[in-house]
């Protein structure tokens, strides 16, 4: 999904949500990438899990990048240590 498609995607989710919508993702960082590699490479040697996880981390966003893409009704919350969530709470009349 391109950066340009994300706001519309989030608006679609908000339009379908009657309560709370939560989307989670990794936080892109060298530390997360390095630690993931050090932990998974010996455990899953030769598995797609290692490379797939590293690609996922490289393609993820930093919190400020998500805030820049998200419509105003969405909150971006950092979840320790290397995760983040986007949270939408529907208006009370919509529930």
PDB file of N, CA and C in Angstrom:
ATOM      1  N   UNK A   1       0.845  -1.165   0.000  1.00  0.00           N
ATOM      2  CA  UNK A   1       0.000   0.000   0.000  1.00  0.00           C
ATOM      3  C   UNK A   1       0.898   1.237   0.000  1.00  0.00           C
ATOM      4  N   UNK A   2       0.602   2.161  -0.864  1.00  0.00           N
ATOM      5  CA  UNK A   2       1.408   3.378  -0.936  1.00  0.00           C
ATOM      6  C   UNK A   2       0.998   4.356   0.165  1.00  0.00           C
ATOM      7  N   UNK A   3       1.877   5.298   0.458  1.00  0.00           N
ATOM      8  CA  UNK A   3       1.571   6.329   1.452  1.00  0.00           C
ATOM      9  C   UNK A   3       0.300   7.097   1.081  1.00  0.00           C
ATOM     10  N   UNK A   4       0.081   7.293  -0.214  1.00  0.00           N
ATOM     11  CA  UNK A   4      -1.086   8.046  -0.671  1.00  0.00           C
ATOM     12  C   UNK A   4      -2.390   7.287  -0.415  1.00  0.00           C
ATOM     13  N   UNK A   5      -2.330   5.964  -0.367  1.00  0.00           N
ATOM     14  CA  UNK A   5      -3.525   5.148  -0.156  1.00  0.00           C
ATOM     15  C   UNK A   5      -3.911   5.023   1.321  1.00  0.00           C
ATOM     16  N   UNK A   6      -2.988   5.259   2.217  1.00  0.00           N
ATOM     17  CA  UNK A   6      -3.224   5.025   3.642  1.00  0.00           C
ATOM     18  C   UNK A   6      -4.340   5.902   4.220  1.00  0.00           C
ATOM     19  N   UNK A   7      -4.371   7.218   3.975  1.00  0.00           N
ATOM     20  CA  UNK A   7      -5.464   8.014   4.550  1.00  0.00           C
ATOM     21  C   UNK A   7      -6.856   7.517   4.133  1.00  0.00           C
ATOM     22  N   UNK A   8      -7.029   7.161   2.879  1.00  0.00           N
ATOM     23  CA  UNK A   8      -8.316   6.645   2.419  1.00  0.00           C
ATOM     24  C   UNK A   8      -8.658   5.309   3.065  1.00  0.00           C
ATOM     25  N   UNK A   9      -7.657   4.446   3.216  1.00  0.00           N
ATOM     26  CA  UNK A   9      -7.840   3.163   3.888  1.00  0.00           C
ATOM     27  C   UNK A   9      -8.310   3.378   5.323  1.00  0.00           C
ATOM     28  N   UNK A  10      -7.676   4.314   6.016  1.00  0.00           N
ATOM     29  CA  UNK A  10      -8.058   4.596   7.401  1.00  0.00           C
ATOM     30  C   UNK A  10      -9.453   5.213   7.482  1.00  0.00           C
ATOM     31  N   UNK A  11      -9.809   6.050   6.520  1.00  0.00           N
ATOM     32  CA  UNK A  11     -11.158   6.620   6.490  1.00  0.00           C
ATOM     33  C   UNK A  11     -12.199   5.527   6.261  1.00  0.00           C
ATOM     34  N   UNK A  12     -11.870   4.546   5.405  1.00  0.00           N
ATOM     35  CA  UNK A  12     -12.784   3.422   5.186  1.00  0.00           C
ATOM     36  C   UNK A  12     -12.990   2.628   6.471  1.00  0.00           C
ATOM     37  N   UNK A  13     -11.908   2.371   7.193  1.00  0.00           N
ATOM     38  CA  UNK A  13     -12.011   1.645   8.462  1.00  0.00           C
ATOM     39  C   UNK A  13     -12.872   2.435   9.448  1.00  0.00           C
ATOM     40  N   UNK A  14     -12.606   3.732   9.554  1.00  0.00           N
ATOM     41  CA  UNK A  14     -13.381   4.571  10.473  1.00  0.00           C
ATOM     42  C   UNK A  14     -14.866   4.547  10.112  1.00  0.00           C
ATOM     43  N   UNK A  15     -15.162   4.530   8.830  1.00  0.00           N
ATOM     44  CA  UNK A  15     -16.556   4.505   8.397  1.00  0.00           C
ATOM     45  C   UNK A  15     -17.269   3.208   8.748  1.00  0.00           C
ATOM     46  N   UNK A  16     -16.518   2.134   8.905  1.00  0.00           N
ATOM     47  CA  UNK A  16     -17.099   0.832   9.235  1.00  0.00           C
ATOM     48  C   UNK A  16     -17.083   0.520  10.727  1.00  0.00           C
ATOM     49  N   UNK A  17     -16.392   1.337  11.495  1.00  0.00           N
ATOM     50  CA  UNK A  17     -16.185   1.051  12.912  1.00  0.00           C
ATOM     51  C   UNK A  17     -17.285   1.665  13.771  1.00  0.00           C
ATOM     52  N   UNK A  18     -17.816   0.850  14.675  1.00  0.00           N
ATOM     53  CA  UNK A  18     -18.828   1.339  15.618  1.00  0.00           C
ATOM     54  C   UNK A  18     -18.249   1.510  17.009  1.00  0.00           C
ATOM     55  N   UNK A  19     -17.123   0.932  17.267  1.00  0.00           N
ATOM     56  CA  UNK A  19     -16.493   1.025  18.584  1.00  0.00           C
ATOM     57  C   UNK A  19     -15.079   1.557  18.449  1.00  0.00           C
ATOM     58  N   UNK A  20     -14.131   0.647  18.559  1.00  0.00           N
ATOM     59  CA  UNK A  20     -12.717   1.013  18.499  1.00  0.00           C
ATOM     60  C   UNK A  20     -12.032   0.161  17.436  1.00  0.00           C
ATOM     61  N   UNK A  21     -11.199   0.780  16.620  1.00  0.00           N
ATOM     62  CA  UNK A  21     -10.368   0.073  15.651  1.00  0.00           C
ATOM     63  C   UNK A  21      -8.915   0.246  16.072  1.00  0.00           C
ATOM     64  N   UNK A  22      -8.161  -0.836  16.057  1.00  0.00           N
ATOM     65  CA  UNK A  22      -6.749  -0.795  16.433  1.00  0.00           C
ATOM     66  C   UNK A  22      -5.940  -1.507  15.351  1.00  0.00           C
ATOM     67  N   UNK A  23      -4.970  -0.810  14.798  1.00  0.00           N
ATOM     68  CA  UNK A  23      -4.045  -1.383  13.829  1.00  0.00           C
ATOM     69  C   UNK A  23      -2.654  -1.327  14.448  1.00  0.00           C
ATOM     70  N   UNK A  24      -1.903  -2.413  14.369  1.00  0.00           N
ATOM     71  CA  UNK A  24      -0.567  -2.416  14.951  1.00  0.00           C
ATOM     72  C   UNK A  24       0.483  -2.670  13.884  1.00  0.00           C
ATOM     73  N   UNK A  25       1.684  -2.221  14.178  1.00  0.00           N
ATOM     74  CA  UNK A  25       2.806  -2.385  13.259  1.00  0.00           C
ATOM     75  C   UNK A  25       4.096  -2.315  14.052  1.00  0.00           C
ATOM     76  N   UNK A  26       5.150  -2.787  13.442  1.00  0.00           N
ATOM     77  CA  UNK A  26       6.481  -2.626  14.021  1.00  0.00           C
ATOM     78  C   UNK A  26       6.910  -1.167  13.871  1.00  0.00           C
ATOM     79  N   UNK A  27       7.860  -0.763  14.671  1.00  0.00           N
ATOM     80  CA  UNK A  27       8.477   0.551  14.523  1.00  0.00           C
ATOM     81  C   UNK A  27       9.801   0.341  13.793  1.00  0.00           C
ATOM     82  N   UNK A  28      10.009   1.073  12.720  1.00  0.00           N
ATOM     83  CA  UNK A  28      11.246   0.935  11.961  1.00  0.00           C
ATOM     84  C   UNK A  28      12.409   1.547  12.746  1.00  0.00           C
ATOM     85  N   UNK A  29      13.415   0.725  13.019  1.00  0.00           N
ATOM     86  CA  UNK A  29      14.625   1.224  13.671  1.00  0.00           C
ATOM     87  C   UNK A  29      15.753   0.222  13.456  1.00  0.00           C
ATOM     88  N   UNK A  30      16.956   0.709  13.484  1.00  0.00           N
ATOM     89  CA  UNK A  30      18.123  -0.183  13.357  1.00  0.00           C
ATOM     90  C   UNK A  30      18.197  -1.150  14.529  1.00  0.00           C
ATOM     91  N   UNK A  31      17.869  -0.653  15.707  1.00  0.00           N
ATOM     92  CA  UNK A  31      17.924  -1.497  16.897  1.00  0.00           C
ATOM     93  C   UNK A  31      16.949  -2.659  16.769  1.00  0.00           C
ATOM     94  N   UNK A  32      15.713  -2.379  16.361  1.00  0.00           N
ATOM     95  CA  UNK A  32      14.717  -3.439  16.197  1.00  0.00           C
ATOM     96  C   UNK A  32      15.177  -4.446  15.151  1.00  0.00           C
ATOM     97  N   UNK A  33      15.707  -3.964  14.052  1.00  0.00           N
ATOM     98  CA  UNK A  33      16.182  -4.833  12.977  1.00  0.00           C
ATOM     99  C   UNK A  33      17.327  -5.719  13.466  1.00  0.00           C
ATOM    100  N   UNK A  34      18.268  -5.119  14.143  1.00  0.00           N
ATOM    101  CA  UNK A  34      19.435  -5.865  14.638  1.00  0.00           C
ATOM    102  C   UNK A  34      19.033  -6.899  15.685  1.00  0.00           C
ATOM    103  N   UNK A  35      18.239  -6.500  16.652  1.00  0.00           N
ATOM    104  CA  UNK A  35      17.812  -7.442  17.692  1.00  0.00           C
ATOM    105  C   UNK A  35      16.973  -8.578  17.111  1.00  0.00           C
ATOM    106  N   UNK A  36      16.100  -8.256  16.200  1.00  0.00           N
ATOM    107  CA  UNK A  36      15.295  -9.299  15.557  1.00  0.00           C
ATOM    108  C   UNK A  36      16.199 -10.315  14.862  1.00  0.00           C
ATOM    109  N   UNK A  37      17.183  -9.823  14.131  1.00  0.00           N
ATOM    110  CA  UNK A  37      18.107 -10.708  13.425  1.00  0.00           C
ATOM    111  C   UNK A  37      18.899 -11.567  14.400  1.00  0.00           C
ATOM    112  N   UNK A  38      19.432 -10.956  15.449  1.00  0.00           N
ATOM    113  CA  UNK A  38      20.243 -11.711  16.420  1.00  0.00           C
ATOM    114  C   UNK A  38      19.431 -12.800  17.129  1.00  0.00           C
ATOM    115  N   UNK A  39      18.165 -12.527  17.377  1.00  0.00           N
ATOM    116  CA  UNK A  39      17.333 -13.504  18.097  1.00  0.00           C
ATOM    117  C   UNK A  39      16.791 -14.582  17.157  1.00  0.00           C
ATOM    118  N   UNK A  40      16.325 -14.192  15.982  1.00  0.00           N
ATOM    119  CA  UNK A  40      15.658 -15.166  15.120  1.00  0.00           C
ATOM    120  C   UNK A  40      16.600 -15.974  14.234  1.00  0.00           C
ATOM    121  N   UNK A  41      17.705 -15.386  13.801  1.00  0.00           N
ATOM    122  CA  UNK A  41      18.590 -16.101  12.874  1.00  0.00           C
ATOM    123  C   UNK A  41      19.062 -17.448  13.423  1.00  0.00           C
ATOM    124  N   UNK A  42      19.522 -17.529  14.677  1.00  0.00           N
ATOM    125  CA  UNK A  42      19.934 -18.850  15.180  1.00  0.00           C
ATOM    126  C   UNK A  42      18.744 -19.804  15.399  1.00  0.00           C
ATOM    127  N   UNK A  43      17.608 -19.264  15.767  1.00  0.00           N
ATOM    128  CA  UNK A  43      16.448 -20.108  16.054  1.00  0.00           C
ATOM    129  C   UNK A  43      15.755 -20.632  14.799  1.00  0.00           C
ATOM    130  N   UNK A  44      15.750 -19.818  13.759  1.00  0.00           N
ATOM    131  CA  UNK A  44      15.024 -20.164  12.533  1.00  0.00           C
ATOM    132  C   UNK A  44      15.950 -20.177  11.316  1.00  0.00           C
ATOM    133  N   UNK A  45      17.137 -20.688  11.478  1.00  0.00           N
ATOM    134  CA  UNK A  45      18.138 -20.736  10.406  1.00  0.00           C
ATOM    135  C   UNK A  45      17.543 -21.364   9.141  1.00  0.00           C
ATOM    136  N   UNK A  46      17.649 -20.654   8.036  1.00  0.00           N
ATOM    137  CA  UNK A  46      17.161 -21.154   6.761  1.00  0.00           C
ATOM    138  C   UNK A  46      15.656 -20.972   6.548  1.00  0.00           C
ATOM    139  N   UNK A  47      14.969 -20.364   7.496  1.00  0.00           N
ATOM    140  CA  UNK A  47      13.531 -20.180   7.380  1.00  0.00           C
ATOM    141  C   UNK A  47      13.212 -18.816   6.780  1.00  0.00           C
ATOM    142  N   UNK A  48      12.068 -18.738   6.118  1.00  0.00           N
ATOM    143  CA  UNK A  48      11.601 -17.453   5.576  1.00  0.00           C
ATOM    144  C   UNK A  48      11.297 -16.457   6.694  1.00  0.00           C
ATOM    145  N   UNK A  49      11.100 -16.927   7.903  1.00  0.00           N
ATOM    146  CA  UNK A  49      10.721 -16.068   9.025  1.00  0.00           C
ATOM    147  C   UNK A  49      11.742 -14.955   9.244  1.00  0.00           C
ATOM    148  N   UNK A  50      13.017 -15.287   9.122  1.00  0.00           N
ATOM    149  CA  UNK A  50      14.072 -14.300   9.383  1.00  0.00           C
ATOM    150  C   UNK A  50      14.021 -13.177   8.352  1.00  0.00           C
ATOM    151  N   UNK A  51      14.067 -13.529   7.080  1.00  0.00           N
ATOM    152  CA  UNK A  51      14.085 -12.486   6.050  1.00  0.00           C
ATOM    153  C   UNK A  51      12.755 -11.741   5.986  1.00  0.00           C
ATOM    154  N   UNK A  52      11.653 -12.452   6.137  1.00  0.00           N
ATOM    155  CA  UNK A  52      10.348 -11.806   6.112  1.00  0.00           C
ATOM    156  C   UNK A  52      10.218 -10.789   7.249  1.00  0.00           C
ATOM    157  N   UNK A  53      10.680 -11.143   8.429  1.00  0.00           N
ATOM    158  CA  UNK A  53      10.638 -10.228   9.568  1.00  0.00           C
ATOM    159  C   UNK A  53      11.501  -9.003   9.351  1.00  0.00           C
ATOM    160  N   UNK A  54      12.675  -9.215   8.788  1.00  0.00           N
ATOM    161  CA  UNK A  54      13.559  -8.063   8.526  1.00  0.00           C
ATOM    162  C   UNK A  54      12.966  -7.128   7.490  1.00  0.00           C
ATOM    163  N   UNK A  55      12.361  -7.694   6.458  1.00  0.00           N
ATOM    164  CA  UNK A  55      11.703  -6.864   5.441  1.00  0.00           C
ATOM    165  C   UNK A  55      10.549  -6.089   6.068  1.00  0.00           C
ATOM    166  N   UNK A  56       9.781  -6.747   6.913  1.00  0.00           N
ATOM    167  CA  UNK A  56       8.659  -6.088   7.587  1.00  0.00           C
ATOM    168  C   UNK A  56       9.133  -4.896   8.420  1.00  0.00           C
ATOM    169  N   UNK A  57      10.220  -5.067   9.150  1.00  0.00           N
ATOM    170  CA  UNK A  57      10.755  -3.965   9.956  1.00  0.00           C
ATOM    171  C   UNK A  57      11.246  -2.829   9.060  1.00  0.00           C
ATOM    172  N   UNK A  58      11.941  -3.165   7.972  1.00  0.00           N
ATOM    173  CA  UNK A  58      12.445  -2.122   7.064  1.00  0.00           C
ATOM    174  C   UNK A  58      11.313  -1.338   6.403  1.00  0.00           C
ATOM    175  N   UNK A  59      10.176  -1.974   6.176  1.00  0.00           N
ATOM    176  CA  UNK A  59       9.054  -1.312   5.490  1.00  0.00           C
ATOM    177  C   UNK A  59       8.073  -0.647   6.451  1.00  0.00           C
ATOM    178  N   UNK A  60       8.278  -0.825   7.728  1.00  0.00           N
ATOM    179  CA  UNK A  60       7.359  -0.232   8.696  1.00  0.00           C
ATOM    180  C   UNK A  60       7.621   1.271   8.819  1.00  0.00           C
ATOM    181  N   UNK A  61       6.814   1.915   9.614  1.00  0.00           N
ATOM    182  CA  UNK A  61       6.896   3.364   9.792  1.00  0.00           C
ATOM    183  C   UNK A  61       7.495   3.709  11.143  1.00  0.00           C
ATOM    184  N   UNK A  62       7.898   4.943  11.256  1.00  0.00           N
ATOM    185  CA  UNK A  62       8.210   5.530  12.561  1.00  0.00           C
ATOM    186  C   UNK A  62       6.946   6.267  13.011  1.00  0.00           C
ATOM    187  N   UNK A  63       6.748   6.435  14.323  1.00  0.00           N
ATOM    188  CA  UNK A  63       5.497   7.065  14.790  1.00  0.00           C
ATOM    189  C   UNK A  63       5.195   8.416  14.138  1.00  0.00           C
ATOM    190  N   UNK A  64       6.187   9.264  13.981  1.00  0.00           N
ATOM    191  CA  UNK A  64       5.907  10.577  13.392  1.00  0.00           C
ATOM    192  C   UNK A  64       5.467  10.458  11.928  1.00  0.00           C
ATOM    193  N   UNK A  65       5.936   9.428  11.233  1.00  0.00           N
ATOM    194  CA  UNK A  65       5.511   9.229   9.844  1.00  0.00           C
ATOM    195  C   UNK A  65       4.033   8.828   9.787  1.00  0.00           C
ATOM    196  N   UNK A  66       3.625   7.941  10.696  1.00  0.00           N
ATOM    197  CA  UNK A  66       2.213   7.549  10.743  1.00  0.00           C
ATOM    198  C   UNK A  66       1.318   8.730  11.103  1.00  0.00           C
ATOM    199  N   UNK A  67       1.760   9.532  12.043  1.00  0.00           N
ATOM    200  CA  UNK A  67       0.959  10.715  12.425  1.00  0.00           C
ATOM    201  C   UNK A  67       0.741  11.628  11.224  1.00  0.00           C
ATOM    202  N   UNK A  68       1.751  11.719  10.380  1.00  0.00           N
ATOM    203  CA  UNK A  68       1.639  12.563   9.194  1.00  0.00           C
ATOM    204  C   UNK A  68       0.678  12.011   8.148  1.00  0.00           C
ATOM    205  N   UNK A  69       0.431  10.699   8.162  1.00  0.00           N
ATOM    206  CA  UNK A  69      -0.453  10.067   7.193  1.00  0.00           C
ATOM    207  C   UNK A  69      -1.877   9.880   7.718  1.00  0.00           C
ATOM    208  N   UNK A  70      -2.030   9.852   9.019  1.00  0.00           N
ATOM    209  CA  UNK A  70      -3.317   9.522   9.638  1.00  0.00           C
ATOM    210  C   UNK A  70      -4.269  10.715   9.651  1.00  0.00           C
ATOM    211  N   UNK A  71      -5.560  10.456   9.398  1.00  0.00           N
ATOM    212  CA  UNK A  71      -6.558  11.512   9.568  1.00  0.00           C
ATOM    213  C   UNK A  71      -6.589  11.948  11.036  1.00  0.00           C
ATOM    214  N   UNK A  72      -7.086  13.154  11.318  1.00  0.00           N
ATOM    215  CA  UNK A  72      -7.049  13.696  12.687  1.00  0.00           C
ATOM    216  C   UNK A  72      -7.719  12.825  13.750  1.00  0.00           C
ATOM    217  N   UNK A  73      -8.714  12.036  13.394  1.00  0.00           N
ATOM    218  CA  UNK A  73      -9.438  11.232  14.392  1.00  0.00           C
ATOM    219  C   UNK A  73      -8.636  10.016  14.881  1.00  0.00           C
ATOM    220  N   UNK A  74      -7.513   9.736  14.269  1.00  0.00           N
ATOM    221  CA  UNK A  74      -6.695   8.582  14.632  1.00  0.00           C
ATOM    222  C   UNK A  74      -5.555   9.006  15.552  1.00  0.00           C
ATOM    223  N   UNK A  75      -5.299   8.200  16.579  1.00  0.00           N
ATOM    224  CA  UNK A  75      -4.156   8.411  17.479  1.00  0.00           C
ATOM    225  C   UNK A  75      -3.076   7.391  17.140  1.00  0.00           C
ATOM    226  N   UNK A  76      -1.833   7.808  17.217  1.00  0.00           N
ATOM    227  CA  UNK A  76      -0.698   6.895  17.068  1.00  0.00           C
ATOM    228  C   UNK A  76      -0.048   6.763  18.435  1.00  0.00           C
ATOM    229  N   UNK A  77       0.046   5.530  18.907  1.00  0.00           N
ATOM    230  CA  UNK A  77       0.534   5.249  20.247  1.00  0.00           C
ATOM    231  C   UNK A  77       1.744   4.319  20.153  1.00  0.00           C
ATOM    232  N   UNK A  78       2.804   4.703  20.806  1.00  0.00           N
ATOM    233  CA  UNK A  78       4.000   3.853  20.843  1.00  0.00           C
ATOM    234  C   UNK A  78       3.786   2.762  21.880  1.00  0.00           C
ATOM    235  N   UNK A  79       4.027   1.510  21.494  1.00  0.00           N
ATOM    236  CA  UNK A  79       3.898   0.368  22.393  1.00  0.00           C
ATOM    237  C   UNK A  79       5.282  -0.244  22.546  1.00  0.00           C
ATOM    238  N   UNK A  80       5.808  -0.184  23.756  1.00  0.00           N
ATOM    239  CA  UNK A  80       7.175  -0.632  24.020  1.00  0.00           C
ATOM    240  C   UNK A  80       7.300  -2.116  23.746  1.00  0.00           C
ATOM    241  N   UNK A  81       8.422  -2.605  23.221  1.00  0.00           N
ATOM    242  CA  UNK A  81       9.599  -1.826  22.880  1.00  0.00           C
ATOM    243  C   UNK A  81       9.640  -1.385  21.415  1.00  0.00           C
ATOM    244  N   UNK A  82       9.200  -2.209  20.487  1.00  0.00           N
ATOM    245  CA  UNK A  82       9.352  -1.856  19.077  1.00  0.00           C
ATOM    246  C   UNK A  82       8.048  -1.999  18.314  1.00  0.00           C
ATOM    247  N   UNK A  83       6.950  -1.646  18.956  1.00  0.00           N
ATOM    248  CA  UNK A  83       5.636  -1.731  18.325  1.00  0.00           C
ATOM    249  C   UNK A  83       4.924  -0.387  18.456  1.00  0.00           C
ATOM    250  N   UNK A  84       3.932  -0.191  17.602  1.00  0.00           N
ATOM    251  CA  UNK A  84       3.103   0.998  17.663  1.00  0.00           C
ATOM    252  C   UNK A  84       1.689   0.614  17.232  1.00  0.00           C
ATOM    253  N   UNK A  85       0.744   1.423  17.636  1.00  0.00           N
ATOM    254  CA  UNK A  85      -0.648   1.169  17.284  1.00  0.00           C
ATOM    255  C   UNK A  85      -1.295   2.452  16.811  1.00  0.00           C
ATOM    256  N   UNK A  86      -2.208   2.303  15.860  1.00  0.00           N
ATOM    257  CA  UNK A  86      -3.068   3.401  15.438  1.00  0.00           C
ATOM    258  C   UNK A  86      -4.444   3.073  15.991  1.00  0.00           C
ATOM    259  N   UNK A  87      -5.049   4.031  16.675  1.00  0.00           N
ATOM    260  CA  UNK A  87      -6.312   3.785  17.364  1.00  0.00           C
ATOM    261  C   UNK A  87      -7.354   4.808  16.907  1.00  0.00           C
ATOM    262  N   UNK A  88      -8.525   4.272  16.559  1.00  0.00           N
ATOM    263  CA  UNK A  88      -9.669   5.114  16.193  1.00  0.00           C
ATOM    264  C   UNK A  88     -10.825   4.761  17.126  1.00  0.00           C
ATOM    265  N   UNK A  89     -11.441   5.770  17.713  1.00  0.00           N
ATOM    266  CA  UNK A  89     -12.617   5.575  18.565  1.00  0.00           C
ATOM    267  C   UNK A  89     -13.806   6.254  17.897  1.00  0.00           C
ATOM    268  N   UNK A  90     -14.823   5.449  17.594  1.00  0.00           N
ATOM    269  CA  UNK A  90     -15.999   5.986  16.908  1.00  0.00           C
ATOM    270  C   UNK A  90     -16.735   6.964  17.806  1.00  0.00           C
ATOM    271  N   UNK A  91     -17.376   7.923  17.189  1.00  0.00           N
ATOM    272  CA  UNK A  91     -18.185   8.885  17.929  1.00  0.00           C
ATOM    273  C   UNK A  91     -19.317   8.147  18.649  1.00  0.00           C
ATOM    274  N   UNK A  92     -19.727   8.660  19.782  1.00  0.00           N
ATOM    275  CA  UNK A  92     -20.733   7.973  20.615  1.00  0.00           C
ATOM    276  C   UNK A  92     -22.040   7.740  19.866  1.00  0.00           C
ATOM    277  N   UNK A  93     -22.454   8.638  19.025  1.00  0.00           N
ATOM    278  CA  UNK A  93     -23.701   8.465  18.281  1.00  0.00           C
ATOM    279  C   UNK A  93     -23.638   7.368  17.237  1.00  0.00           C
ATOM    280  N   UNK A  94     -22.446   6.943  16.880  1.00  0.00           N
ATOM    281  CA  UNK A  94     -22.260   5.935  15.844  1.00  0.00           C
ATOM    282  C   UNK A  94     -22.332   4.526  16.412  1.00  0.00           C
ATOM    283  N   UNK A  95     -22.198   4.379  17.716  1.00  0.00           N
ATOM    284  CA  UNK A  95     -22.135   3.053  18.340  1.00  0.00           C
ATOM    285  C   UNK A  95     -23.427   2.402  18.356  1.00  0.00           C
TER     286      UNK A  95
END
